[in-house]
Protein backbone atom coordinates (compact mmCIF):
# COMPACT_ATOMS: atom_id res chain seq x y z
CA UNK A 1 1.45 -3.69 9.81
CA UNK A 2 2.72 -2.14 13.03
CA UNK A 3 4.08 1.11 11.44
CA UNK A 4 0.51 2.36 11.02
CA UNK A 5 0.12 2.54 14.78
CA UNK A 6 3.66 3.76 15.41
CA UNK A 7 5.36 0.55 16.58
CA UNK A 8 8.10 -1.68 15.27
CA UNK A 9 6.16 -4.81 16.17
CA UNK A 10 3.40 -6.02 18.46
CA UNK A 11 3.70 -8.76 21.08
CA UNK A 12 0.75 -10.96 21.92
CA UNK A 13 0.51 -13.60 24.66
CA UNK A 14 1.16 -17.15 23.48
CA UNK A 15 -1.09 -19.77 25.01
CA UNK A 16 -2.73 -23.13 24.37
CA UNK A 17 -4.86 -21.62 21.60
CA UNK A 18 -1.66 -20.81 19.71
CA UNK A 19 -0.67 -24.46 19.93
CA UNK A 20 -4.15 -25.44 18.73
CA UNK A 21 -3.68 -23.19 15.71
CA UNK A 22 -0.31 -24.80 14.91
CA UNK A 23 -1.86 -28.24 15.22
CA UNK A 24 -4.88 -27.37 13.06
CA UNK A 25 -2.69 -25.90 10.31
CA UNK A 26 -0.60 -29.03 9.91
CA UNK A 27 2.58 -28.46 11.95
CA UNK A 28 4.13 -31.68 13.21
CA UNK A 29 3.86 -32.60 16.88
CA UNK A 30 7.60 -32.37 17.47
CA UNK A 31 7.64 -28.72 16.36
CA UNK A 32 4.55 -27.89 18.41
CA UNK A 33 6.16 -29.43 21.50
CA UNK A 34 9.39 -27.56 20.82
CA UNK A 35 7.50 -24.26 20.57
CA UNK A 36 5.71 -24.90 23.84
CA UNK A 37 8.83 -25.94 25.78
CA UNK A 38 10.84 -22.99 24.47
CA UNK A 39 8.12 -20.50 25.39
CA UNK A 40 7.69 -22.00 28.83
CA UNK A 41 11.45 -21.88 29.42
CA UNK A 42 11.45 -18.20 28.46
CA UNK A 43 8.44 -17.44 30.71
CA UNK A 44 6.54 -16.41 27.60
CA UNK A 45 3.75 -19.01 27.72
CA UNK A 46 0.57 -17.70 29.29
CA UNK A 47 -1.88 -19.68 31.38
CA UNK A 48 -4.54 -18.72 33.90
CA UNK A 49 -1.87 -19.05 36.63
CA UNK A 50 0.65 -16.79 34.92
CA UNK A 51 1.43 -13.71 37.04
CA UNK A 52 0.83 -10.32 35.46
CA UNK A 53 3.98 -9.13 33.68
CA UNK A 54 5.58 -5.84 34.70
CA UNK A 55 5.33 -3.16 32.02
CA UNK A 56 6.86 0.31 31.82
CA UNK A 57 3.49 1.77 30.84
CA UNK A 58 0.01 0.30 30.98
CA UNK A 59 -2.88 1.34 28.74
CA UNK A 60 -6.38 0.32 29.76
CA UNK A 61 -9.04 -0.58 27.20
CA UNK A 62 -12.70 -1.01 27.96
CA UNK A 63 -13.65 -3.99 25.77
CA UNK A 64 -17.20 -2.68 25.78
CA UNK A 65 -15.99 0.26 23.74
CA UNK A 66 -14.78 -1.98 20.91
CA UNK A 67 -17.25 -1.68 18.04
CA UNK A 68 -17.28 -2.72 14.37
CA UNK A 69 -15.28 -0.36 12.20
CA UNK A 70 -13.87 0.41 8.78
CA UNK A 71 -10.70 2.25 7.79
CA UNK A 72 -10.61 4.92 5.12
CA UNK A 73 -11.05 6.60 2.79
CA UNK A 74 -7.31 7.03 2.12
CA UNK A 75 -5.24 5.54 4.94
CA UNK A 76 -5.37 2.27 6.91
CA UNK A 77 -4.95 4.06 10.24
CA UNK A 78 -8.02 6.26 9.74
CA UNK A 79 -10.53 4.20 11.70
CA UNK A 80 -14.23 4.89 11.20
CA UNK A 81 -16.89 3.33 13.40
CA UNK A 82 -19.35 1.39 11.26
CA UNK A 83 -22.33 3.25 12.70
CA UNK A 84 -20.67 6.56 11.73
CA UNK A 85 -19.41 5.52 8.29
CA UNK A 86 -22.15 7.31 6.36
CA UNK A 87 -21.79 10.59 8.25
CA UNK A 88 -18.00 10.52 8.07
CA UNK A 89 -18.07 9.82 4.34
CA UNK A 90 -20.38 12.78 3.79
CA UNK A 91 -17.77 14.99 5.50
CA UNK A 92 -14.90 13.55 3.47
CA UNK A 93 -16.80 13.90 0.20
CA UNK A 94 -16.79 17.69 0.23
CA UNK A 95 -13.45 18.12 2.00
CA UNK A 96 -10.57 15.70 1.37
CA UNK A 97 -12.25 14.14 -1.69
CA UNK A 98 -12.77 17.55 -3.24
CA UNK A 99 -16.38 17.40 -4.43
CA UNK A 100 -18.09 20.83 -4.54
CA UNK A 101 -21.09 20.98 -2.21
CA UNK A 102 -23.40 21.57 -5.16
CA UNK A 103 -22.34 18.26 -6.75
CA UNK A 104 -22.45 16.11 -3.61
CA UNK A 105 -25.80 14.53 -4.54
CA UNK A 106 -25.12 14.15 -8.25
CA UNK A 107 -26.45 10.98 -9.90
CA UNK A 108 -26.07 10.14 -13.57
CA UNK A 109 -27.54 7.44 -15.82
CA UNK A 110 -25.09 4.74 -16.88
CA UNK A 111 -25.15 4.10 -20.61
CA UNK A 112 -26.66 0.78 -21.63
CA UNK A 113 -28.10 0.06 -18.17
CA UNK A 114 -31.27 0.78 -16.23
CA UNK A 115 -29.54 2.33 -13.21
CA UNK A 116 -27.88 5.57 -12.13
CA UNK A 117 -24.46 5.99 -10.52
CA UNK A 118 -23.88 8.62 -7.87
CA UNK A 119 -21.29 10.10 -5.56
CA UNK A 120 -20.17 7.50 -3.02
CA UNK A 121 -21.46 4.46 -4.87
CA UNK A 122 -19.39 1.31 -4.37
CA UNK A 123 -17.98 -0.09 -7.62
CA UNK A 124 -15.52 -2.63 -6.15
CA UNK A 125 -16.19 -5.08 -3.32
CA UNK A 126 -13.31 -7.50 -2.92
CA UNK A 127 -12.40 -10.20 -0.42
CA UNK A 128 -8.62 -10.21 -0.70
CA UNK A 129 -5.89 -12.55 0.42
CA UNK A 130 -3.92 -10.42 2.83
CA UNK A 131 -6.27 -10.55 5.82
CA UNK A 132 -8.11 -13.82 5.53
CA UNK A 133 -5.78 -16.72 4.83
CA UNK A 134 -4.91 -17.49 8.45
CA UNK A 135 -8.31 -16.60 9.88
CA UNK A 136 -11.00 -19.05 8.73
CA UNK A 137 -13.59 -17.37 10.98
CA UNK A 138 -13.91 -14.30 8.75
CA UNK A 139 -14.06 -16.33 5.53
CA UNK A 140 -16.71 -18.61 6.95
CA UNK A 141 -18.57 -15.50 8.18
CA UNK A 142 -18.44 -13.98 4.70
CA UNK A 143 -19.79 -17.19 3.23
CA UNK A 144 -22.61 -17.27 5.76
CA UNK A 145 -23.57 -13.67 4.98
CA UNK A 146 -23.69 -14.65 1.30
CA UNK A 147 -25.78 -17.75 2.15
CA UNK A 148 -28.33 -15.83 4.17
CA UNK A 149 -28.56 -13.05 1.57
CA UNK A 150 -28.99 -15.61 -1.19
CA UNK A 151 -31.76 -17.36 0.71
CA UNK A 152 -33.64 -14.07 1.00
CA UNK A 153 -33.22 -13.30 -2.69
CA UNK A 154 -30.69 -10.46 -2.35
CA UNK A 155 -27.89 -9.83 -4.86
CA UNK A 156 -25.13 -7.21 -5.06
CA UNK A 157 -26.01 -3.97 -6.79
CA UNK A 158 -25.34 -4.25 -10.54
CA UNK A 159 -22.64 -1.56 -10.53
CA UNK A 160 -20.50 -3.43 -7.96
CA UNK A 161 -17.58 -5.54 -9.21
CA UNK A 162 -17.16 -8.44 -6.77
CA UNK A 163 -14.30 -10.91 -6.32
CA UNK A 164 -12.70 -13.39 -3.94
CA UNK A 165 -8.94 -14.00 -3.95
CA UNK A 166 -7.85 -16.32 -1.14
CA UNK A 167 -4.23 -16.57 -0.14
CA UNK A 168 -4.32 -20.35 0.02
CA UNK A 169 -5.92 -23.31 -1.69
CA UNK A 170 -6.92 -24.50 1.79
CA UNK A 171 -9.48 -21.67 1.87
CA UNK A 172 -11.12 -23.07 -1.25
CA UNK A 173 -11.09 -26.53 0.32
CA UNK A 174 -12.98 -25.54 3.44
CA UNK A 175 -15.38 -23.24 1.56
CA UNK A 176 -16.17 -26.15 -0.75
CA UNK A 177 -16.61 -28.60 2.11
CA UNK A 178 -18.95 -26.24 3.96
CA UNK A 179 -20.97 -25.59 0.81
CA UNK A 180 -20.26 -21.86 1.04
CA UNK A 181 -18.52 -21.64 -2.34
CA UNK A 182 -21.87 -21.96 -4.09
CA UNK A 183 -23.31 -19.14 -1.97
CA UNK A 184 -20.35 -16.84 -2.57
CA UNK A 185 -20.46 -17.61 -6.31
CA UNK A 186 -24.16 -16.77 -6.38
CA UNK A 187 -23.30 -13.37 -4.87
CA UNK A 188 -20.61 -12.78 -7.51
CA UNK A 189 -17.71 -13.53 -5.18
CA UNK A 190 -16.15 -16.06 -7.51
CA UNK A 191 -12.57 -17.13 -6.83
CA UNK A 192 -10.43 -15.15 -9.29
CA UNK A 193 -7.00 -16.31 -8.16
CA UNK A 194 -4.74 -16.75 -5.16
CA UNK A 195 -2.59 -14.02 -3.65
CA UNK A 196 -2.43 -10.25 -4.07
CA UNK A 197 -5.15 -8.82 -6.28
CA UNK A 198 -7.35 -5.78 -5.54
CA UNK A 199 -5.31 -4.63 -2.55
CA UNK A 200 -2.29 -3.99 -4.77
CA UNK A 201 -4.16 -2.65 -7.80
CA UNK A 202 -4.87 -5.96 -9.56
CA UNK A 203 -8.64 -5.76 -9.51
CA UNK A 204 -8.72 -5.62 -13.29
CA UNK A 205 -10.46 -2.87 -15.26
CA UNK A 206 -13.94 -1.70 -14.41
CA UNK A 207 -16.60 -1.99 -17.15
CA UNK A 208 -16.23 0.77 -19.70
CA UNK A 209 -19.70 2.24 -19.11
CA UNK A 210 -18.94 2.53 -15.38
CA UNK A 211 -15.59 4.23 -16.07
CA UNK A 212 -17.26 6.66 -18.47
CA UNK A 213 -19.90 7.59 -15.90
CA UNK A 214 -17.20 8.21 -13.26
CA UNK A 215 -14.76 10.15 -15.42
CA UNK A 216 -17.27 12.22 -17.38
CA UNK A 217 -19.11 13.37 -14.27
CA UNK A 218 -16.36 13.77 -11.64
CA UNK A 219 -17.88 11.06 -9.46
CA UNK A 220 -16.17 9.77 -6.33
CA UNK A 221 -16.49 6.01 -6.66
CA UNK A 222 -15.74 3.76 -3.69
CA UNK A 223 -14.12 0.39 -3.11
CA UNK A 224 -14.60 -1.78 -0.04
CA UNK A 225 -12.01 -4.50 0.41
CA UNK A 226 -10.67 -6.80 3.08
CA UNK A 227 -7.09 -5.72 2.42
CA UNK A 228 -4.62 -3.85 4.59
CA UNK A 229 -3.69 -0.93 2.34
CA UNK A 230 -5.96 1.72 0.83
CA UNK A 231 -3.63 4.57 -0.07
CA UNK A 232 -4.53 7.02 -2.83
CA UNK A 233 -4.35 5.65 -6.37
CA UNK A 234 -3.53 2.14 -5.19
CA UNK A 235 -6.75 0.18 -5.62
CA UNK A 236 -7.97 1.52 -8.98
CA UNK A 237 -7.31 4.68 -11.02
CA UNK A 238 -11.08 5.19 -11.22
CA UNK A 239 -11.75 4.88 -7.48
CA UNK A 240 -10.95 7.78 -5.16
CA UNK A 241 -12.29 6.51 -1.82
CA UNK A 242 -11.26 3.13 -0.46
CA UNK A 243 -12.39 1.46 2.75
CA UNK A 244 -10.89 -1.55 4.50
CA UNK A 245 -13.45 -3.91 6.00
CA UNK A 246 -13.83 -7.47 7.23
CA UNK A 247 -14.79 -10.07 4.58
CA UNK A 248 -18.40 -10.38 5.81
CA UNK A 249 -18.78 -6.60 5.70
CA UNK A 250 -17.42 -6.59 2.15
CA UNK A 251 -20.29 -8.89 1.14
CA UNK A 252 -22.81 -6.74 3.02
CA UNK A 253 -21.59 -3.52 1.40
CA UNK A 254 -21.87 -5.12 -2.05
CA UNK A 255 -25.57 -5.53 -1.30
CA UNK A 256 -25.95 -1.96 -0.04
CA UNK A 257 -23.96 -0.55 -2.99
CA UNK A 258 -23.13 2.86 -1.52
CA UNK A 259 -21.43 4.67 1.33
CA UNK A 260 -24.29 7.19 1.39
CA UNK A 261 -26.49 4.92 3.51
CA UNK A 262 -26.06 3.75 7.10
CA UNK A 263 -25.44 0.02 6.82
CA UNK A 264 -26.32 -0.49 10.49
CA UNK A 265 -29.85 0.96 10.25
CA UNK A 266 -30.95 1.13 6.61
CA UNK A 267 -32.08 -1.89 4.57
CA UNK A 268 -29.55 -3.62 2.33
CA UNK A 269 -32.31 -4.50 -0.10
CA UNK A 270 -35.70 -6.14 -0.40
CA UNK A 271 -36.30 -9.86 0.04
CA UNK A 272 -38.12 -11.98 -2.54
CA UNK A 273 -41.29 -11.66 -0.46
CA UNK A 274 -41.05 -7.85 -0.53
CA UNK A 275 -39.72 -7.19 2.97
CA UNK A 276 -36.74 -4.95 3.80
CA UNK A 277 -33.58 -6.87 4.78
CA UNK A 278 -31.21 -5.39 7.35
CA UNK A 279 -27.63 -6.23 8.28
CA UNK A 280 -28.80 -7.95 11.45
CA UNK A 281 -30.94 -10.31 9.36
CA UNK A 282 -27.96 -11.81 7.52
CA UNK A 283 -25.19 -11.51 10.12
CA UNK A 284 -24.13 -14.96 11.42
CA UNK A 285 -23.79 -15.79 15.10
CA UNK A 286 -20.49 -16.86 16.64
CA UNK A 287 -21.97 -20.34 17.14
CA UNK A 288 -22.86 -20.67 13.44
CA UNK A 289 -19.31 -19.73 12.49
CA UNK A 290 -17.71 -22.03 15.09
CA UNK A 291 -19.88 -24.99 14.06
CA UNK A 292 -18.92 -24.66 10.41
CA UNK A 293 -15.23 -24.27 11.23
CA UNK A 294 -15.37 -27.47 13.29
CA UNK A 295 -17.03 -29.42 10.49
CA UNK A 296 -15.23 -27.96 7.46
CA UNK A 297 -11.60 -27.39 8.44
CA UNK A 298 -9.22 -30.24 9.07
CA UNK A 299 -5.53 -30.58 9.87
CA UNK A 300 -5.21 -33.11 7.03
CA UNK A 301 -6.13 -30.51 4.39
CA UNK A 302 -3.29 -28.23 5.46
CA UNK A 303 -0.83 -31.14 5.45
CA UNK A 304 -2.02 -32.23 2.00
CA UNK A 305 -1.99 -28.75 0.43
CA UNK A 306 1.39 -27.71 1.80
CA UNK A 307 3.20 -31.03 1.31
CA UNK A 308 4.29 -30.04 -2.20
CA UNK A 309 3.94 -26.28 -1.96
CA UNK A 310 7.51 -25.63 -3.18
CA UNK A 311 6.91 -27.57 -6.40
CA UNK A 312 4.40 -25.07 -7.72
CA UNK A 313 1.85 -25.56 -10.49
CA UNK A 314 2.39 -27.35 -13.78
CA UNK A 315 2.91 -23.96 -15.42
CA UNK A 316 5.61 -23.08 -12.88
CA UNK A 317 7.32 -26.45 -13.32
CA UNK A 318 7.21 -26.01 -17.09
CA UNK A 319 9.16 -22.74 -17.12
CA UNK A 320 12.41 -23.01 -19.05
CA UNK A 321 15.45 -21.90 -17.07
CA UNK A 322 19.12 -21.53 -17.89
CA UNK A 323 21.28 -23.96 -15.95
CA UNK A 324 24.99 -24.52 -15.52
CA UNK A 325 25.87 -20.95 -14.58
CA UNK A 326 26.87 -19.76 -11.12
CA UNK A 327 25.37 -16.33 -11.72
CA UNK A 328 22.06 -15.21 -13.14
CA UNK A 329 22.01 -14.67 -16.90
CA UNK A 330 20.40 -11.27 -17.41
CA UNK A 331 18.04 -11.07 -20.36
CA UNK A 332 18.26 -7.58 -21.89
CA UNK A 333 14.82 -8.10 -23.47
CA UNK A 334 13.05 -8.83 -20.18
CA UNK A 335 10.56 -6.23 -19.01
CA UNK A 336 10.33 -7.87 -15.58
CA UNK A 337 13.93 -8.38 -14.40
CA UNK A 338 16.95 -6.27 -15.22
CA UNK A 339 20.47 -5.88 -13.86
CA UNK A 340 20.12 -2.91 -11.44
CA UNK A 341 22.56 -0.02 -11.78
CA UNK A 342 23.53 0.46 -8.13
CA UNK A 343 27.10 -0.77 -8.59
CA UNK A 344 27.76 0.83 -11.97
CA UNK A 345 31.16 2.59 -11.98
CA UNK A 346 31.58 1.87 -8.25
CA UNK A 347 35.13 2.51 -7.06
CA UNK A 348 36.97 0.08 -4.78
CA UNK A 349 37.15 2.73 -2.07
CA UNK A 350 34.31 5.15 -1.25
CA UNK A 351 34.59 8.79 -2.24
CA UNK A 352 34.11 11.15 0.70
CA UNK A 353 30.67 12.79 0.42
CA UNK A 354 30.69 16.47 -0.31
CA UNK A 355 28.19 19.28 0.06
CA UNK A 356 25.23 19.44 -2.29
CA UNK A 357 25.66 22.42 -4.58
CA UNK A 358 23.27 24.08 -7.02
CA UNK A 359 20.41 21.58 -6.70
CA UNK A 360 16.96 22.11 -8.14
CA UNK A 361 13.61 21.18 -6.63
CA UNK A 362 11.97 18.16 -8.24
CA UNK A 363 8.85 18.14 -6.09
CA UNK A 364 7.24 20.34 -3.46
CA UNK A 365 4.92 18.08 -1.48
CA UNK A 366 2.48 18.35 1.42
CA UNK A 367 1.77 16.28 4.53
CA UNK A 368 1.23 12.52 4.70
CA UNK A 369 3.09 11.64 1.52
CA UNK A 370 3.05 7.85 1.57
CA UNK A 371 5.36 5.33 -0.01
CA UNK A 372 2.47 4.67 -2.41
CA UNK A 373 2.67 8.29 -3.52
CA UNK A 374 6.43 7.95 -3.97
CA UNK A 375 6.47 4.48 -5.54
CA UNK A 376 3.01 3.29 -6.64
CA UNK A 377 2.19 -0.39 -6.37
CA UNK A 378 -0.91 -0.35 -8.54
CA UNK A 379 -1.73 -0.22 -12.23
CA UNK A 380 0.49 1.39 -14.88
CA UNK A 381 -1.13 4.08 -17.03
CA UNK A 382 -0.69 3.74 -20.78
CA UNK A 383 0.39 7.36 -21.21
CA UNK A 384 2.83 7.38 -18.26
CA UNK A 385 6.62 7.13 -18.67
CA UNK A 386 6.48 3.51 -17.49
CA UNK A 387 3.60 2.75 -19.84
CA UNK A 388 5.43 4.27 -22.79
CA UNK A 389 8.54 2.24 -21.91
CA UNK A 390 6.53 -0.99 -21.93
CA UNK A 391 4.82 -0.18 -25.23
CA UNK A 392 8.23 0.62 -26.77
CA UNK A 393 9.36 -2.84 -25.61
CA UNK A 394 6.46 -4.61 -27.25
CA UNK A 395 4.15 -5.03 -24.25
CA UNK A 396 0.45 -4.65 -24.95
CA UNK A 397 -1.34 -2.42 -22.38
CA UNK A 398 -3.53 -5.36 -21.32
CA UNK A 399 -0.32 -7.12 -20.24
CA UNK A 400 1.16 -4.18 -18.31
CA UNK A 401 0.46 -5.85 -14.96
CA UNK A 402 1.36 -3.56 -12.01
CA UNK A 403 4.32 -1.67 -10.60
CA UNK A 404 4.36 -4.14 -7.73
CA UNK A 405 4.82 -7.09 -10.08
CA UNK A 406 7.54 -5.34 -12.10
CA UNK A 407 9.70 -4.26 -9.16
CA UNK A 408 12.58 -6.34 -10.57
CA UNK A 409 12.99 -3.88 -13.44
CA UNK A 410 14.56 -0.59 -12.37
CA UNK A 411 13.80 0.97 -15.77
CA UNK A 412 10.10 0.71 -15.03
CA UNK A 413 10.28 1.47 -11.33
CA UNK A 414 12.28 4.67 -11.71
CA UNK A 415 9.77 5.84 -14.32
CA UNK A 416 7.04 5.12 -11.78
CA UNK A 417 8.64 7.04 -8.92
CA UNK A 418 6.39 9.94 -7.85
CA UNK A 419 4.01 8.84 -10.64
CA UNK A 420 1.01 8.24 -8.37
CA UNK A 421 -2.10 9.57 -10.10
CA UNK A 422 -3.21 11.39 -6.92
CA UNK A 423 0.08 13.03 -5.88
CA UNK A 424 0.03 16.84 -5.85
CA UNK A 425 3.25 18.71 -6.62
CA UNK A 426 2.77 22.24 -5.31
CA UNK A 427 5.12 23.53 -8.01
CA UNK A 428 2.10 23.09 -10.31
CA UNK A 429 -0.94 24.29 -8.32
CA UNK A 430 -4.18 22.55 -9.23
CA UNK A 431 -2.41 19.69 -10.99
CA UNK A 432 -2.77 16.07 -9.89
CA UNK A 433 -0.33 13.32 -10.85
CA UNK A 434 3.44 12.96 -11.18
CA UNK A 435 4.38 16.20 -12.91
CA UNK A 436 7.11 18.79 -12.33
CA UNK A 437 8.77 21.86 -13.86
CA UNK A 438 12.25 22.19 -15.28
CA UNK A 439 14.08 25.43 -14.51
CA UNK A 440 15.15 27.96 -15.52
CA UNK A 441 12.97 27.48 -18.63
CA UNK A 442 9.81 26.54 -16.65
CA UNK A 443 8.99 23.65 -19.02
CA UNK A 444 6.44 21.21 -17.56
CA UNK A 445 6.64 17.44 -17.87
CA UNK A 446 6.47 14.18 -15.99
CA UNK A 447 8.66 13.99 -12.91
CA UNK A 448 10.71 11.29 -14.62
CA UNK A 449 11.27 13.33 -17.79
CA UNK A 450 12.17 16.46 -15.82
CA UNK A 451 14.56 14.47 -13.61
CA UNK A 452 16.29 12.94 -16.64
CA UNK A 453 16.72 16.39 -18.18
CA UNK A 454 18.39 17.59 -14.99
CA UNK A 455 20.55 14.45 -14.94
CA UNK A 456 21.80 15.22 -18.47
CA UNK A 457 22.68 18.70 -17.25
CA UNK A 458 24.50 17.33 -14.19
CA UNK A 459 22.11 19.09 -11.80
CA UNK A 460 21.41 17.37 -8.44
CA UNK A 461 17.85 17.33 -7.12
CA UNK A 462 16.05 17.91 -3.82
CA UNK A 463 12.53 16.95 -2.76
CA UNK A 464 10.65 19.02 -0.16
CA UNK A 465 7.90 17.43 1.95
CA UNK A 466 5.65 18.07 4.94
CA UNK A 467 4.80 16.00 8.02
CA UNK A 468 5.13 12.19 8.15
CA UNK A 469 6.93 11.97 4.84
CA UNK A 470 7.20 8.34 3.67
CA UNK A 471 4.46 6.87 5.84
CA UNK A 472 2.83 3.59 4.86
CA UNK A 473 4.36 0.38 3.55
CA UNK A 474 8.13 0.24 4.07
CA UNK A 475 8.59 -0.27 0.33
CA UNK A 476 12.25 -0.25 -0.68
CA UNK A 477 11.49 1.19 -4.11
CA UNK A 478 10.33 4.45 -2.55
CA UNK A 479 13.98 5.02 -1.63
CA UNK A 480 15.55 3.28 -4.64
CA UNK A 481 13.49 5.21 -7.16
CA UNK A 482 14.23 8.48 -5.37
CA UNK A 483 17.96 7.82 -5.73
CA UNK A 484 17.75 6.77 -9.38
CA UNK A 485 15.93 9.99 -10.27
CA UNK A 486 19.00 11.88 -9.07
CA UNK A 487 17.59 13.12 -5.76
CA UNK A 488 20.39 13.81 -3.27
CA UNK A 489 18.30 14.95 -0.29
CA UNK A 490 14.72 14.97 0.98
CA UNK A 491 13.81 17.85 3.31
CA UNK A 492 10.64 17.33 5.35
CA UNK A 493 8.97 18.40 8.57
CA UNK A 494 9.13 14.79 9.82
CA UNK A 495 9.75 11.31 8.45
CA UNK A 496 8.18 7.91 8.90
CA UNK A 497 11.05 6.13 10.58
CA UNK A 498 11.44 3.15 8.24
CA UNK A 499 11.45 5.29 5.12
CA UNK A 500 14.01 7.60 6.74
CA UNK A 501 16.24 4.57 7.30
CA UNK A 502 15.69 3.36 3.74
CA UNK A 503 16.70 6.74 2.32
CA UNK A 504 19.98 6.63 4.23
CA UNK A 505 20.48 3.06 3.04
CA UNK A 506 20.27 4.29 -0.57
CA UNK A 507 22.60 7.24 -0.02
CA UNK A 508 19.90 9.94 0.07
CA UNK A 509 20.08 12.51 2.89
CA UNK A 510 16.94 12.84 5.05
CA UNK A 511 16.85 16.38 6.46
CA UNK A 512 14.30 17.91 8.84
CA UNK A 513 13.13 21.51 9.17
CA UNK A 514 13.52 23.12 12.56
CA UNK A 515 10.24 23.79 14.46
CA UNK A 516 8.39 26.77 13.03
CA UNK A 517 9.95 26.41 9.58
CA UNK A 518 8.47 24.64 6.59
CA UNK A 519 7.99 25.04 2.84
CA UNK A 520 5.14 27.53 3.41
CA UNK A 521 6.93 29.81 5.88
CA UNK A 522 9.87 29.85 3.47
CA UNK A 523 7.57 30.72 0.57
CA UNK A 524 9.07 28.04 -1.69
CA UNK A 525 7.70 28.01 -5.23
CA UNK A 526 9.96 25.51 -7.00
CA UNK A 527 12.13 27.86 -9.05
CA UNK A 528 14.76 28.18 -6.29
CA UNK A 529 18.29 26.77 -6.32
CA UNK A 530 19.26 24.75 -3.23
CA UNK A 531 22.64 24.02 -1.65
CA UNK A 532 23.24 21.93 1.49
CA UNK A 533 26.33 22.91 3.50
CA UNK A 534 28.00 20.78 6.18
CA UNK A 535 27.59 17.37 4.53
CA UNK A 536 31.36 17.14 4.04
CA UNK A 537 31.76 16.95 7.84
CA UNK A 538 28.86 14.56 8.45
CA UNK A 539 28.20 13.21 11.96
CA UNK A 540 25.06 11.71 13.52
CA UNK A 541 22.12 14.12 13.90
CA UNK A 542 24.19 17.20 13.16
CA UNK A 543 22.87 20.53 11.97
CA UNK A 544 23.44 21.45 8.34
CA UNK A 545 22.55 24.60 6.44
CA UNK A 546 20.25 24.81 3.43
CA UNK A 547 21.07 27.82 1.31
CA UNK A 548 18.11 28.93 -0.81
CA UNK A 549 18.88 31.09 -3.83
CA UNK A 550 15.72 32.61 -5.23
CA UNK A 551 14.98 33.57 -8.83
CA UNK A 552 15.76 37.22 -8.05
CA UNK A 553 19.23 36.29 -6.77
CA UNK A 554 18.50 36.77 -3.06
CA UNK A 555 19.65 34.07 -0.65
CA UNK A 556 18.46 32.67 2.66
CA UNK A 557 20.24 30.32 5.07
CA UNK A 558 17.97 27.74 6.73
CA UNK A 559 19.24 25.46 9.52
CA UNK A 560 18.20 21.80 9.19
CA UNK A 561 18.63 18.68 11.31
CA UNK A 562 20.35 15.87 9.42
CA UNK A 563 18.55 12.60 10.22
CA UNK A 564 21.52 10.35 9.62
CA UNK A 565 21.12 9.11 13.17
CA UNK A 566 24.00 6.73 13.96
CA UNK A 567 27.66 6.16 13.20
CA UNK A 568 26.71 3.08 11.20
CA UNK A 569 24.39 5.19 9.07
CA UNK A 570 27.18 7.73 8.55
CA UNK A 571 29.24 4.84 7.15
CA UNK A 572 26.41 3.71 4.88
CA UNK A 573 26.04 7.22 3.54
CA UNK A 574 29.82 7.61 3.12
CA UNK A 575 29.85 4.49 0.94
CA UNK A 576 26.93 5.75 -1.17
CA UNK A 577 24.45 3.37 0.46
CA UNK A 578 24.22 0.11 2.36
CA UNK A 579 24.49 -2.01 -0.80
CA UNK A 580 27.87 -0.53 -1.66
CA UNK A 581 28.94 -0.77 1.99
CA UNK A 582 28.15 -4.50 2.09
CA UNK A 583 29.73 -5.25 -1.30
CA UNK A 584 32.96 -3.46 -0.38
CA UNK A 585 33.00 -5.37 2.91
CA UNK A 586 32.57 -8.68 1.07
CA UNK A 587 35.34 -7.75 -1.37
CA UNK A 588 37.76 -7.02 1.46
CA UNK A 589 36.81 -10.21 3.31
CA UNK A 590 37.53 -12.24 0.16
């Protein structure tokens, strides 16, 4: 997850504890010895005698300044100190989350229940697979929080949907052995499955009466999860604020039930003997965690569980597959896997790229557009282009699954591109969701429908963005879907570097405004016609010219920096993308 802090990867010292981890998780002794000898030979193994390495730059960190924290409410890099979480949420509520000050304290009764739901109440608390599988300490800690809370008579608030989705069966083994499964179950953290769930939008629907209370009263509901992604619209369509937290904090927040209280100072609830219970009362010590790890986790369990991991479950083994063919037999009826169109009508030799002429704007977007805005990973709405496609192909809405699970079907993924429920296209002020306008008639529709109308007319498309365009997960479909919509160039103030590279790899030009110029200074409204000059003489990081033709016929030339950065990338773009470049290379080699 290094892109969130601006790096390609992070290096950490390898020492005897690393070898202990390999041994505990079932690696054979020969491999462990090989790892150690290799690292020692490379001067990469750290001991107390290891001299300090020489670095270009050194950053100093006072470990005393490291305090518990969350991340949210919309991005994983937005760290919030736990002790400040309440205050910071109050600020976000009436600013980035858009609640009018007069409605900040709104509470409404929930039909069929004896409780109210208010702004900032937590409706999802999920321990998810992506940050716990390889760290037993946090799972054991979560179980101990549940055990202590259970002993005191506490339970999660009734409006909180709780779940546990480990990434490995080994987690279940050691939770069972330690007796913590019963405590987690008692707190509602039942094991619902293994692998990606809430973090990628697979939390399942919220109860209907909760959804009604949220939607009918413009409430900002909250999720707290131990995942690594919390971008807008990803976790649940009914939840607008999402916080990443450690598994034990997820359990604690399920007891508190809201972000409107300070979890570090206010009681989580009342014990069965009538006394207030605070976080400190149920937080386990390091010794309690270490003792349970020592007694509950064994090397043998890892060896046993992973011995036949490639065989899969009985259901997996029972799948019928076509055999005897050297290539995959595409099923035209499948809604999960389809033959992608990237090589359709591809010539043996690449056609020299030309300038982009007479393009229309498909979307006019602001800062911090993430790959989740561009290509959602979460649930598929019934009335969206992707939802309508699935219904037309006989899929019941309850079986829609998610965009992330259907990434093998380009027909669905292209319909989901820019379909995030929280994206704001400035061509339609005040509108939220994946909508656009077709010009010159000004007809409004989904981004997909508008793009397909332009494609029928043979009109190329351009997307305009702000700062850090494409930040977040380096999801390939954010670039693939952009291409398949007919977008020829994305013009932004700056790009997240991996998404920039992915755009080039799909044959889409990433272009950057010069300092002092952006969509606002240019007064772009969306009804302009765009041409990009200079592409026919493409070279790395060259200047090109964007010619804007406005509705009144006036024109404006705007210099842009082309972020095709290397000669290799020029070649990829010349071939129409890296896929075509590789295929043509394989054809010639054969």
